[in-house]
Amino acid sequence: MLERVKTSLRAVGHDRAAFETRLRQALAQLPSADRRDLKRWCFLIYGESYFTVLCQCFADLNTLAG
């Protein structure tokens, strides 16, 4: 499932709003181990372009988790 999410994010990587929507959907569905891997991958691939979006999405996830 993680690879499907990465493929989906690559497909919308040019559109900030679509990227954020897909990322939030993925984070809601993935198990925690996959979310950690996705976080690393997202910051590596999209950290320069979507740093603020990534920080917000993953911060929101941490808030919901605990």
N, C-alpha and C. Protein backbone atom coordinates (compact mmCIF):
# COMPACT_ATOMS: atom_id res chain seq x y z
N MET A 1 0.82 -1.20 0.00
CA MET A 1 0.00 0.00 0.00
C MET A 1 0.87 1.27 0.00
N LEU A 2 1.99 1.22 0.69
CA LEU A 2 2.88 2.38 0.74
C LEU A 2 3.34 2.77 -0.66
N GLU A 3 3.67 1.80 -1.47
CA GLU A 3 4.13 2.11 -2.84
C GLU A 3 3.01 2.73 -3.66
N ARG A 4 1.78 2.29 -3.45
CA ARG A 4 0.64 2.91 -4.14
C ARG A 4 0.48 4.37 -3.74
N VAL A 5 0.67 4.64 -2.46
CA VAL A 5 0.57 6.02 -1.98
C VAL A 5 1.66 6.88 -2.62
N LYS A 6 2.87 6.37 -2.66
CA LYS A 6 3.97 7.12 -3.28
C LYS A 6 3.66 7.41 -4.75
N THR A 7 3.15 6.42 -5.45
CA THR A 7 2.79 6.60 -6.86
C THR A 7 1.71 7.67 -6.99
N SER A 8 0.74 7.63 -6.12
CA SER A 8 -0.35 8.61 -6.14
C SER A 8 0.18 10.02 -5.87
N LEU A 9 1.08 10.15 -4.90
CA LEU A 9 1.64 11.46 -4.59
C LEU A 9 2.50 11.98 -5.74
N ARG A 10 3.23 11.09 -6.39
CA ARG A 10 4.02 11.52 -7.55
C ARG A 10 3.11 12.06 -8.65
N ALA A 11 1.95 11.43 -8.81
CA ALA A 11 1.02 11.83 -9.87
C ALA A 11 0.46 13.23 -9.65
N VAL A 12 0.35 13.66 -8.40
CA VAL A 12 -0.20 14.99 -8.11
C VAL A 12 0.85 15.94 -7.56
N GLY A 13 2.10 15.56 -7.65
CA GLY A 13 3.19 16.36 -7.08
C GLY A 13 3.30 17.77 -7.63
N HIS A 14 2.69 18.03 -8.75
CA HIS A 14 2.74 19.36 -9.36
C HIS A 14 1.66 20.29 -8.82
N ASP A 15 0.71 19.76 -8.07
CA ASP A 15 -0.44 20.53 -7.59
C ASP A 15 -0.49 20.49 -6.06
N ARG A 16 -0.21 21.60 -5.44
CA ARG A 16 -0.10 21.67 -3.98
C ARG A 16 -1.37 21.19 -3.27
N ALA A 17 -2.52 21.66 -3.70
CA ALA A 17 -3.78 21.29 -3.03
C ALA A 17 -4.07 19.81 -3.18
N ALA A 18 -3.89 19.28 -4.37
CA ALA A 18 -4.13 17.85 -4.60
C ALA A 18 -3.13 17.01 -3.82
N PHE A 19 -1.89 17.47 -3.76
CA PHE A 19 -0.86 16.75 -3.00
C PHE A 19 -1.25 16.68 -1.52
N GLU A 20 -1.65 17.80 -0.97
CA GLU A 20 -2.04 17.82 0.45
C GLU A 20 -3.24 16.92 0.71
N THR A 21 -4.22 16.96 -0.17
CA THR A 21 -5.40 16.11 -0.01
C THR A 21 -5.03 14.63 -0.04
N ARG A 22 -4.24 14.24 -1.01
CA ARG A 22 -3.83 12.83 -1.11
C ARG A 22 -2.98 12.41 0.08
N LEU A 23 -2.11 13.29 0.52
CA LEU A 23 -1.26 12.97 1.67
C LEU A 23 -2.12 12.76 2.91
N ARG A 24 -3.05 13.63 3.15
CA ARG A 24 -3.92 13.48 4.33
C ARG A 24 -4.75 12.19 4.26
N GLN A 25 -5.23 11.86 3.08
CA GLN A 25 -5.97 10.61 2.90
C GLN A 25 -5.08 9.42 3.22
N ALA A 26 -3.87 9.46 2.71
CA ALA A 26 -2.94 8.35 2.92
C ALA A 26 -2.60 8.20 4.40
N LEU A 27 -2.35 9.31 5.06
CA LEU A 27 -1.98 9.25 6.48
C LEU A 27 -3.11 8.68 7.33
N ALA A 28 -4.33 8.90 6.92
CA ALA A 28 -5.48 8.37 7.66
C ALA A 28 -5.61 6.86 7.49
N GLN A 29 -5.05 6.32 6.41
CA GLN A 29 -5.23 4.90 6.09
C GLN A 29 -4.04 4.02 6.44
N LEU A 30 -2.85 4.60 6.45
CA LEU A 30 -1.64 3.79 6.63
C LEU A 30 -1.39 3.43 8.09
N PRO A 31 -0.82 2.25 8.33
CA PRO A 31 -0.38 1.92 9.68
C PRO A 31 0.81 2.81 10.08
N SER A 32 1.06 2.93 11.37
CA SER A 32 2.07 3.88 11.85
C SER A 32 3.47 3.63 11.28
N ALA A 33 3.87 2.39 11.11
CA ALA A 33 5.20 2.11 10.54
C ALA A 33 5.31 2.65 9.12
N ASP A 34 4.26 2.48 8.34
CA ASP A 34 4.25 3.01 6.98
C ASP A 34 4.20 4.53 6.98
N ARG A 35 3.51 5.12 7.94
CA ARG A 35 3.47 6.59 8.02
C ARG A 35 4.86 7.15 8.29
N ARG A 36 5.63 6.48 9.14
CA ARG A 36 7.01 6.94 9.39
C ARG A 36 7.84 6.86 8.13
N ASP A 37 7.71 5.77 7.40
CA ASP A 37 8.44 5.62 6.14
C ASP A 37 7.99 6.67 5.12
N LEU A 38 6.70 6.92 5.07
CA LEU A 38 6.17 7.91 4.14
C LEU A 38 6.69 9.30 4.50
N LYS A 39 6.76 9.60 5.77
CA LYS A 39 7.27 10.90 6.21
C LYS A 39 8.70 11.10 5.72
N ARG A 40 9.54 10.11 5.93
CA ARG A 40 10.94 10.21 5.46
C ARG A 40 10.98 10.44 3.96
N TRP A 41 10.22 9.65 3.22
CA TRP A 41 10.20 9.74 1.76
C TRP A 41 9.69 11.11 1.31
N CYS A 42 8.60 11.57 1.91
CA CYS A 42 8.03 12.86 1.52
C CYS A 42 9.02 14.01 1.73
N PHE A 43 9.68 14.03 2.87
CA PHE A 43 10.63 15.11 3.12
C PHE A 43 11.84 15.01 2.19
N LEU A 44 12.23 13.82 1.86
CA LEU A 44 13.35 13.64 0.93
C LEU A 44 12.98 14.12 -0.47
N ILE A 45 11.81 13.72 -0.95
CA ILE A 45 11.41 14.02 -2.33
C ILE A 45 10.76 15.40 -2.46
N TYR A 46 9.92 15.77 -1.52
CA TYR A 46 9.11 16.99 -1.64
C TYR A 46 9.41 18.05 -0.58
N GLY A 47 10.40 17.81 0.24
CA GLY A 47 10.69 18.74 1.33
C GLY A 47 10.98 20.16 0.89
N GLU A 48 11.64 20.31 -0.22
CA GLU A 48 11.96 21.65 -0.70
C GLU A 48 10.73 22.35 -1.27
N SER A 49 9.90 21.62 -1.96
CA SER A 49 8.72 22.21 -2.60
C SER A 49 7.55 22.41 -1.65
N TYR A 50 7.32 21.44 -0.78
CA TYR A 50 6.11 21.43 0.04
C TYR A 50 6.43 21.32 1.53
N PHE A 51 7.49 21.96 1.97
CA PHE A 51 7.92 21.84 3.36
C PHE A 51 6.80 22.20 4.34
N THR A 52 6.14 23.32 4.09
CA THR A 52 5.07 23.77 4.99
C THR A 52 3.91 22.78 5.03
N VAL A 53 3.52 22.29 3.88
CA VAL A 53 2.43 21.30 3.80
C VAL A 53 2.81 20.05 4.57
N LEU A 54 4.03 19.57 4.36
CA LEU A 54 4.47 18.36 5.04
C LEU A 54 4.51 18.55 6.55
N CYS A 55 5.07 19.66 6.99
CA CYS A 55 5.13 19.92 8.43
C CYS A 55 3.73 19.95 9.04
N GLN A 56 2.81 20.60 8.35
CA GLN A 56 1.44 20.71 8.86
C GLN A 56 0.75 19.34 8.89
N CYS A 57 0.85 18.60 7.82
CA CYS A 57 0.18 17.29 7.75
C CYS A 57 0.72 16.34 8.81
N PHE A 58 2.03 16.28 8.95
CA PHE A 58 2.60 15.36 9.92
C PHE A 58 2.43 15.87 11.34
N ALA A 59 2.39 17.17 11.56
CA ALA A 59 2.10 17.72 12.89
C ALA A 59 0.66 17.41 13.28
N ASP A 60 -0.26 17.57 12.33
CA ASP A 60 -1.66 17.24 12.60
C ASP A 60 -1.80 15.77 12.96
N LEU A 61 -1.06 14.93 12.29
CA LEU A 61 -1.09 13.50 12.57
C LEU A 61 -0.62 13.23 14.00
N ASN A 62 0.46 13.89 14.42
CA ASN A 62 0.98 13.71 15.77
C ASN A 62 -0.03 14.20 16.80
N THR A 63 -0.72 15.27 16.51
CA THR A 63 -1.73 15.80 17.42
C THR A 63 -2.87 14.80 17.59
N LEU A 64 -3.30 14.21 16.49
CA LEU A 64 -4.39 13.23 16.55
C LEU A 64 -3.97 11.96 17.27
N ALA A 65 -2.70 11.59 17.13
CA ALA A 65 -2.22 10.34 17.70
C ALA A 65 -2.06 10.42 19.21
N GLY A 66 -1.86 11.58 19.74
CA GLY A 66 -1.62 11.51 21.13
C GLY A 66 -1.64 12.72 21.91
